[in-house]
Amino acid sequence: MTVKERKDRIRAKPSVDKGKVDRRLAAMEALVRLIKGIAGELDDLEIETMVKAINMVLDTSDVSEEESTLALKLTGRQYSNQEAVVLEITSLMRSFDKRKELLKDSLTATKVAELLRTTRQTPHDRINNKSLLAVKDNGVWKFPSWQFNSSGADGVIDGLPEVLKALGGSEFTKLNWLTSPNPYLNSLTPVEALKQGQKAKVLTEAIALGAW
């Protein structure tokens, strides 16, 4: 190779984007710290979900043009795949944290049967006929305690079964909706509104939501 050819080859070699390299390293370090920090706190379902999410991001060789454009508009910069993994994990952890928060005062099917003085099968039957709300968590049905009312019909707050039947989506989606402030209900959660006797208003909103 002549001296001229060597010079031409050096000139042709693409320059290294130091900013991009630094962002990649920072994202990878953040990912390692995040995984080390939470690994011992995750249950089997959370670990499985996180692995699937990471693989989904890594299966894409490049962030799509649409995603890059959106990220640029929202944040003023574009994200690498490594950074996308960190963001995906962070989002998942927030979702799992909220799930744990919503289910922290829940009862097992056995406890519900004792509470309502029924057979152990009854809580499961009531999940199927949508007269009780339960979310399966790590293989166990969890029944949020706020739905029970000793003076209510069948031991639950008035109107809940009708609302559950009207709502669409997963059981967790229903739980999230029922416990989130709703502008239509003057910023009350649907559960709070039901407890205040606003059954018709909550049911109207549930039917509208279920129709989407």
Protein backbone atom coordinates (compact mmCIF):
# COMPACT_ATOMS: atom_id res chain seq x y z
CA MET A 1 0.00 0.00 0.00
CA THR A 2 1.45 3.37 -1.02
CA VAL A 3 1.69 6.40 1.29
CA LYS A 4 -1.07 8.09 -0.71
CA GLU A 5 -3.35 5.04 -0.33
CA ARG A 6 -2.76 5.00 3.43
CA LYS A 7 -3.65 8.69 3.69
CA ASP A 8 -6.78 8.18 1.59
CA ARG A 9 -7.83 5.24 3.80
CA ILE A 10 -7.32 7.28 6.97
CA ARG A 11 -9.33 10.13 5.53
CA ALA A 12 -12.11 7.74 4.49
CA LYS A 13 -12.41 6.15 7.96
CA PRO A 14 -15.59 7.43 9.64
CA SER A 15 -15.00 9.67 12.63
CA VAL A 16 -16.05 8.49 16.08
CA ASP A 17 -19.01 10.34 17.57
CA LYS A 18 -17.71 10.80 21.12
CA GLY A 19 -21.06 12.04 22.35
CA LYS A 20 -22.78 8.92 21.07
CA VAL A 21 -20.15 6.66 22.64
CA ASP A 22 -20.46 8.45 25.98
CA ARG A 23 -24.26 8.15 25.92
CA ARG A 24 -24.01 4.46 25.07
CA LEU A 25 -21.60 3.79 27.95
CA ALA A 26 -23.70 5.85 30.37
CA ALA A 27 -26.84 3.98 29.36
CA MET A 28 -25.15 0.60 29.74
CA GLU A 29 -23.81 1.56 33.18
CA ALA A 30 -27.24 2.76 34.23
CA LEU A 31 -28.75 -0.51 33.02
CA VAL A 32 -26.28 -2.58 35.04
CA ARG A 33 -26.87 -0.48 38.18
CA LEU A 34 -30.63 -0.71 37.75
CA ILE A 35 -30.64 -4.48 37.31
CA LYS A 36 -28.29 -5.01 40.28
CA GLY A 37 -30.44 -2.77 42.44
CA ILE A 38 -33.78 -4.45 41.74
CA ALA A 39 -32.87 -8.07 40.98
CA GLY A 40 -33.46 -9.27 44.53
CA GLU A 41 -36.84 -7.54 44.84
CA LEU A 42 -38.53 -9.00 41.76
CA ASP A 43 -40.83 -11.99 41.75
CA ASP A 44 -40.90 -14.59 38.95
CA LEU A 45 -43.60 -12.81 36.95
CA GLU A 46 -41.75 -9.49 37.06
CA ILE A 47 -38.46 -11.05 35.99
CA GLU A 48 -40.14 -12.91 33.12
CA THR A 49 -41.92 -9.77 31.93
CA MET A 50 -38.74 -7.71 32.12
CA VAL A 51 -36.70 -10.26 30.17
CA LYS A 52 -39.34 -10.32 27.43
CA ALA A 53 -39.35 -6.52 27.25
CA ILE A 54 -35.56 -6.31 27.03
CA ASN A 55 -35.45 -8.97 24.32
CA MET A 56 -38.13 -7.11 22.38
CA VAL A 57 -36.00 -3.97 22.37
CA LEU A 58 -32.78 -5.82 21.54
CA ASP A 59 -34.44 -7.77 18.71
CA THR A 60 -34.74 -4.46 16.88
CA SER A 61 -31.35 -3.67 15.41
CA ASP A 62 -32.08 0.06 15.26
CA VAL A 63 -34.55 2.46 16.79
CA SER A 64 -37.15 3.14 14.09
CA GLU A 65 -37.24 6.44 12.25
CA GLU A 66 -40.66 7.21 13.73
CA GLU A 67 -39.40 6.55 17.28
CA SER A 68 -36.30 8.64 16.69
CA THR A 69 -38.38 11.51 15.32
CA LEU A 70 -40.78 11.36 18.26
CA ALA A 71 -37.94 11.22 20.78
CA LEU A 72 -36.29 14.18 19.08
CA LYS A 73 -39.50 16.20 19.25
CA LEU A 74 -40.18 15.35 22.89
CA THR A 75 -36.69 15.55 24.34
CA GLY A 76 -34.53 17.31 21.78
CA ARG A 77 -32.34 14.23 21.29
CA GLN A 78 -32.40 10.72 19.88
CA TYR A 79 -32.01 7.49 21.83
CA SER A 80 -29.83 4.47 21.16
CA ASN A 81 -31.07 0.90 21.66
CA GLN A 82 -29.17 0.66 24.94
CA GLU A 83 -30.88 3.78 26.23
CA ALA A 84 -34.21 2.41 25.00
CA VAL A 85 -33.65 -0.70 27.15
CA VAL A 86 -33.05 1.46 30.23
CA LEU A 87 -36.19 3.48 29.52
CA GLU A 88 -38.23 0.31 28.98
CA ILE A 89 -37.03 -1.20 32.26
CA THR A 90 -37.71 2.04 34.13
CA SER A 91 -41.23 2.16 32.72
CA LEU A 92 -41.80 -1.47 33.68
CA MET A 93 -40.57 -0.89 37.22
CA ARG A 94 -42.99 2.00 37.63
CA SER A 95 -45.80 -0.24 36.41
CA PHE A 96 -44.85 -3.02 38.81
CA ASP A 97 -44.54 -0.54 41.68
CA LYS A 98 -48.05 0.70 40.97
CA ARG A 99 -49.32 -2.87 40.73
CA LYS A 100 -47.83 -3.68 44.15
CA GLU A 101 -49.30 -0.50 45.61
CA LEU A 102 -52.79 -1.32 44.30
CA LEU A 103 -52.64 -4.89 45.58
CA LYS A 104 -50.91 -4.30 48.92
CA ASP A 105 -54.12 -4.57 51.00
CA SER A 106 -55.59 -7.48 49.05
CA LEU A 107 -57.03 -10.72 50.38
CA THR A 108 -56.52 -14.27 49.17
CA ALA A 109 -59.47 -16.39 48.01
CA THR A 110 -59.30 -18.33 51.28
CA LYS A 111 -59.58 -15.12 53.34
CA VAL A 112 -62.46 -13.89 51.17
CA ALA A 113 -64.32 -17.15 51.70
CA GLU A 114 -63.85 -16.75 55.46
CA LEU A 115 -64.93 -13.10 55.32
CA LEU A 116 -68.10 -13.83 53.35
CA ARG A 117 -68.67 -17.16 55.11
CA THR A 118 -68.88 -19.09 51.87
CA THR A 119 -67.16 -22.12 50.41
CA ARG A 120 -63.61 -21.75 49.12
CA GLN A 121 -64.91 -22.12 45.55
CA THR A 122 -67.34 -19.19 45.81
CA PRO A 123 -64.74 -16.38 45.41
CA HIS A 124 -63.52 -18.04 42.20
CA ASP A 125 -67.11 -18.36 40.93
CA ARG A 126 -67.67 -14.69 41.66
CA ILE A 127 -64.58 -13.75 39.67
CA ASN A 128 -66.11 -15.56 36.70
CA ASN A 129 -69.53 -13.94 37.06
CA LYS A 130 -67.90 -10.53 37.63
CA SER A 131 -69.40 -9.86 41.04
CA LEU A 132 -65.94 -9.66 42.64
CA LEU A 133 -62.72 -8.10 41.39
CA ALA A 134 -59.49 -10.07 41.64
CA VAL A 135 -56.11 -9.85 39.93
CA LYS A 136 -53.83 -12.85 39.54
CA ASP A 137 -50.46 -11.98 41.04
CA ASN A 138 -47.60 -14.49 40.87
CA GLY A 139 -50.10 -17.30 40.41
CA VAL A 140 -52.40 -16.25 43.27
CA TRP A 141 -55.73 -14.42 43.01
CA LYS A 142 -55.64 -11.17 45.00
CA PHE A 143 -58.93 -9.49 45.98
CA PRO A 144 -58.62 -5.74 46.79
CA SER A 145 -60.05 -5.22 50.26
CA TRP A 146 -61.80 -1.92 49.46
CA GLN A 147 -64.56 -3.71 47.51
CA PHE A 148 -66.02 -5.45 50.57
CA ASN A 149 -68.87 -3.94 52.59
CA SER A 150 -70.60 -5.88 55.34
CA SER A 151 -73.87 -4.01 54.78
CA GLY A 152 -73.81 -4.22 50.98
CA ALA A 153 -75.56 -6.78 48.80
CA ASP A 154 -73.48 -9.97 48.65
CA GLY A 155 -70.88 -8.31 50.87
CA VAL A 156 -69.56 -5.73 48.38
CA ILE A 157 -70.05 -2.01 47.83
CA ASP A 158 -73.29 -1.19 46.06
CA GLY A 159 -73.02 -1.07 42.27
CA LEU A 160 -69.64 -2.77 41.95
CA PRO A 161 -70.87 -5.93 40.14
CA GLU A 162 -72.76 -3.85 37.55
CA VAL A 163 -69.68 -1.68 36.98
CA LEU A 164 -67.41 -4.72 36.63
CA LYS A 165 -69.73 -6.22 34.03
CA ALA A 166 -69.78 -2.96 32.07
CA LEU A 167 -66.02 -2.48 31.99
CA GLY A 168 -63.80 -4.00 29.32
CA GLY A 169 -60.11 -4.88 29.47
CA SER A 170 -58.09 -6.97 31.89
CA GLU A 171 -58.76 -7.27 35.59
CA PHE A 172 -55.77 -5.05 36.31
CA THR A 173 -57.08 -2.43 33.88
CA LYS A 174 -60.36 -2.44 35.81
CA LEU A 175 -58.52 -2.14 39.12
CA ASN A 176 -56.48 0.78 37.82
CA TRP A 177 -59.57 2.58 36.49
CA LEU A 178 -61.59 2.02 39.65
CA THR A 179 -58.87 3.51 41.86
CA SER A 180 -57.81 6.46 39.68
CA PRO A 181 -59.25 10.00 40.04
CA ASN A 182 -61.83 10.63 37.34
CA PRO A 183 -62.63 14.15 36.00
CA TYR A 184 -66.21 13.07 35.18
CA LEU A 185 -66.67 12.18 38.86
CA ASN A 186 -65.32 15.51 40.15
CA SER A 187 -61.87 13.98 40.62
CA LEU A 188 -63.20 11.20 42.85
CA THR A 189 -62.11 7.67 42.07
CA PRO A 190 -64.96 5.43 40.88
CA VAL A 191 -64.64 3.48 44.13
CA GLU A 192 -65.04 6.66 46.19
CA ALA A 193 -68.00 7.72 44.06
CA LEU A 194 -69.68 4.32 44.53
CA LYS A 195 -69.21 4.59 48.29
CA GLN A 196 -70.88 8.02 48.16
CA GLY A 197 -73.91 6.55 46.41
CA GLN A 198 -73.13 7.77 42.87
CA LYS A 199 -73.82 4.38 41.33
CA ALA A 200 -75.65 5.68 38.22
CA LYS A 201 -72.90 8.16 37.39
CA VAL A 202 -70.10 5.61 37.79
CA LEU A 203 -72.03 3.03 35.76
CA THR A 204 -72.57 5.54 32.95
CA GLU A 205 -68.85 6.22 32.80
CA ALA A 206 -68.03 2.50 32.92
CA ILE A 207 -70.42 1.75 30.05
CA ALA A 208 -68.88 4.55 27.98
CA LEU A 209 -65.40 3.23 28.70
CA GLY A 210 -66.39 -0.36 27.93
CA ALA A 211 -67.77 0.69 24.55
CA TRP A 212 -64.32 1.79 23.31
